[in-house]
C-alpha atoms as a PDB file:
ATOM      1  CA  MET A   1     139.749 136.164  93.559  1.00  0.00           C
ATOM      2  CA  ALA A   2     137.509 138.444  95.630  1.00  0.00           C
ATOM      3  CA  LEU A   3     134.647 138.025  93.152  1.00  0.00           C
ATOM      4  CA  THR A   4     134.818 134.234  93.462  1.00  0.00           C
ATOM      5  CA  SER A   5     134.826 134.513  97.244  1.00  0.00           C
ATOM      6  CA  LYS A   6     131.818 136.835  97.204  1.00  0.00           C
ATOM      7  CA  MET A   7     129.903 134.531  94.831  1.00  0.00           C
ATOM      8  CA  GLY A   8     130.739 131.558  97.054  1.00  0.00           C
ATOM      9  CA  SER A   9     129.457 133.280 100.172  1.00  0.00           C
ATOM     10  CA  THR A  10     126.284 134.358  98.337  1.00  0.00           C
ATOM     11  CA  THR A  11     125.666 130.784  97.211  1.00  0.00           C
ATOM     12  CA  LEU A  12     126.322 129.485 100.714  1.00  0.00           C
ATOM     13  CA  ARG A  13     123.940 132.051 102.186  1.00  0.00           C
ATOM     14  CA  ALA A  14     121.205 131.149  99.662  1.00  0.00           C
ATOM     15  CA  THR A  15     121.637 127.448 100.456  1.00  0.00           C
ATOM     16  CA  ALA A  16     121.444 128.160 104.182  1.00  0.00           C
ATOM     17  CA  LEU A  17     118.251 130.193 103.716  1.00  0.00           C
ATOM     18  CA  ARG A  18     116.675 127.400 101.673  1.00  0.00           C
ATOM     19  CA  ALA A  19     117.663 124.853 104.329  1.00  0.00           C
ATOM     20  CA  TRP A  20     116.174 127.072 107.048  1.00  0.00           C
ATOM     21  CA  LYS A  21     112.898 127.329 105.095  1.00  0.00           C
ATOM     22  CA  VAL A  22     112.699 123.547 104.758  1.00  0.00           C
ATOM     23  CA  LEU A  23     113.419 123.076 108.465  1.00  0.00           C
ATOM     24  CA  ARG A  24     110.855 125.718 109.434  1.00  0.00           C
ATOM     25  CA  VAL A  25     108.086 124.101 107.384  1.00  0.00           C
ATOM     26  CA  ASN A  26     108.945 120.402 107.895  1.00  0.00           C
ATOM     27  CA  TRP A  27     110.534 120.127 111.359  1.00  0.00           C
ATOM     28  CA  HIS A  28     107.493 118.899 113.219  1.00  0.00           C
ATOM     29  CA  LEU A  29     106.283 116.365 110.648  1.00  0.00           C
ATOM     30  CA  GLY A  30     108.707 113.625 111.672  1.00  0.00           C
ATOM     31  CA  VAL A  31     107.689 113.992 115.307  1.00  0.00           C
ATOM     32  CA  THR A  32     103.940 114.651 115.191  1.00  0.00           C
ATOM     33  CA  ALA A  33     102.665 112.809 112.098  1.00  0.00           C
ATOM     34  CA  PHE A  34     101.326 109.639 113.725  1.00  0.00           C
ATOM     35  CA  GLY A  35      98.631 107.441 112.231  1.00  0.00           C
ATOM     36  CA  GLY A  36     100.179 106.074 109.082  1.00  0.00           C
ATOM     37  CA  PRO A  37     100.005 107.170 105.450  1.00  0.00           C
ATOM     38  CA  PRO A  38      96.300 108.138 105.366  1.00  0.00           C
ATOM     39  CA  VAL A  39      96.877 110.664 108.144  1.00  0.00           C
ATOM     40  CA  HIS A  40     100.162 111.816 106.593  1.00  0.00           C
ATOM     41  CA  PHE A  41      98.402 112.628 103.325  1.00  0.00           C
ATOM     42  CA  LYS A  42      95.752 114.642 105.156  1.00  0.00           C
ATOM     43  CA  ILE A  43      98.468 116.556 107.033  1.00  0.00           C
ATOM     44  CA  PHE A  44     100.347 117.172 103.762  1.00  0.00           C
ATOM     45  CA  ASN A  45      97.196 118.472 102.098  1.00  0.00           C
ATOM     46  CA  GLU A  46      96.483 120.871 104.938  1.00  0.00           C
ATOM     47  CA  LYS A  47     100.122 121.995 105.191  1.00  0.00           C
ATOM     48  CA  PHE A  48     101.285 122.208 101.579  1.00  0.00           C
ATOM     49  CA  VAL A  49      98.079 122.842  99.613  1.00  0.00           C
ATOM     50  CA  GLN A  50      95.919 124.886 101.951  1.00  0.00           C
ATOM     51  CA  LYS A  51      98.335 126.655 104.315  1.00  0.00           C
ATOM     52  CA  THR A  52     101.672 127.252 102.551  1.00  0.00           C
ATOM     53  CA  LYS A  53     100.282 126.841  98.993  1.00  0.00           C
ATOM     54  CA  TRP A  54     103.514 125.200  97.829  1.00  0.00           C
ATOM     55  CA  ILE A  55     101.443 123.052  95.444  1.00  0.00           C
ATOM     56  CA  ASP A  56      97.862 123.150  94.231  1.00  0.00           C
ATOM     57  CA  GLU A  57      95.211 120.454  94.606  1.00  0.00           C
ATOM     58  CA  GLN A  58      95.809 119.080  91.103  1.00  0.00           C
ATOM     59  CA  VAL A  59      99.527 118.534  91.738  1.00  0.00           C
ATOM     60  CA  PHE A  60      98.723 117.036  95.140  1.00  0.00           C
ATOM     61  CA  GLN A  61      96.347 114.501  93.563  1.00  0.00           C
ATOM     62  CA  GLU A  62      98.888 113.604  90.874  1.00  0.00           C
ATOM     63  CA  LEU A  63     101.651 113.112  93.453  1.00  0.00           C
ATOM     64  CA  PHE A  64      99.266 111.053  95.565  1.00  0.00           C
ATOM     65  CA  SER A  65      98.496 108.764  92.623  1.00  0.00           C
ATOM     66  CA  ILE A  66     102.124 108.322  91.650  1.00  0.00           C
ATOM     67  CA  SER A  67     103.345 107.754  95.196  1.00  0.00           C
ATOM     68  CA  GLN A  68     100.637 105.135  95.749  1.00  0.00           C
ATOM     69  CA  SER A  69     101.446 103.244  92.567  1.00  0.00           C
ATOM     70  CA  LEU A  70     105.211 102.931  93.177  1.00  0.00           C
ATOM     71  CA  SER A  71     106.632 100.529  95.729  1.00  0.00           C
ATOM     72  CA  GLY A  72     107.889 101.822  99.055  1.00  0.00           C
ATOM     73  CA  PRO A  73     106.566 104.230 101.677  1.00  0.00           C
ATOM     74  CA  ALA A  74     104.123 106.494  99.858  1.00  0.00           C
ATOM     75  CA  SER A  75     104.061 109.364 102.330  1.00  0.00           C
ATOM     76  CA  THR A  76     107.863 109.578 102.352  1.00  0.00           C
ATOM     77  CA  LYS A  77     107.934 109.760  98.546  1.00  0.00           C
ATOM     78  CA  MET A  78     105.236 112.398  98.545  1.00  0.00           C
ATOM     79  CA  LEU A  79     106.986 114.634 101.093  1.00  0.00           C
ATOM     80  CA  TYR A  80     110.228 114.304  99.131  1.00  0.00           C
ATOM     81  CA  CYS A  81     108.481 115.266  95.876  1.00  0.00           C
ATOM     82  CA  ILE A  82     106.672 118.252  97.397  1.00  0.00           C
ATOM     83  CA  ASN A  83     109.954 119.662  98.695  1.00  0.00           C
ATOM     84  CA  LEU A  84     111.683 118.834  95.399  1.00  0.00           C
ATOM     85  CA  ILE A  85     109.055 120.796  93.474  1.00  0.00           C
ATOM     86  CA  GLN A  86     109.191 123.702  95.902  1.00  0.00           C
ATOM     87  CA  ASP A  87     112.916 124.190  96.310  1.00  0.00           C
ATOM     88  CA  GLY A  88     115.052 121.590  94.541  1.00  0.00           C
ATOM     89  CA  PRO A  89     117.060 118.480  95.416  1.00  0.00           C
ATOM     90  CA  ILE A  90     118.895 119.793  98.486  1.00  0.00           C
ATOM     91  CA  SER A  91     115.600 120.702 100.138  1.00  0.00           C
ATOM     92  CA  ALA A  92     114.104 117.362  99.138  1.00  0.00           C
ATOM     93  CA  VAL A  93     116.954 115.405 100.723  1.00  0.00           C
ATOM     94  CA  LEU A  94     116.811 117.558 103.857  1.00  0.00           C
ATOM     95  CA  SER A  95     113.055 116.976 104.213  1.00  0.00           C
ATOM     96  CA  PHE A  96     113.645 113.244 103.745  1.00  0.00           C
ATOM     97  CA  LEU A  97     116.183 113.251 106.577  1.00  0.00           C
ATOM     98  CA  ILE A  98     113.821 115.208 108.818  1.00  0.00           C
ATOM     99  CA  TRP A  99     110.990 112.781 108.065  1.00  0.00           C
ATOM    100  CA  ARG A 100     113.055 109.694 108.818  1.00  0.00           C
END
């Protein structure tokens, strides 16, 4: 029973650390990213390609193309995908909630 408890607390701690990383990197985007999708994409490029290096330029361009071709808000889809690639579905959903 103690092993299960220890594994559960380790998993919870890892999830909390991942959530903190997403909050630390994405917190300001929902508040400061004014100007519409063209500005959002520039901010994403500077933040996720140049500064944090979560993705490279090739992946950024591919995500840009896909997010533009599908219906719905392109910058929201792109932010979700960047966080999904970086740290999985929980981080992607958290970044989506921060962005909204």
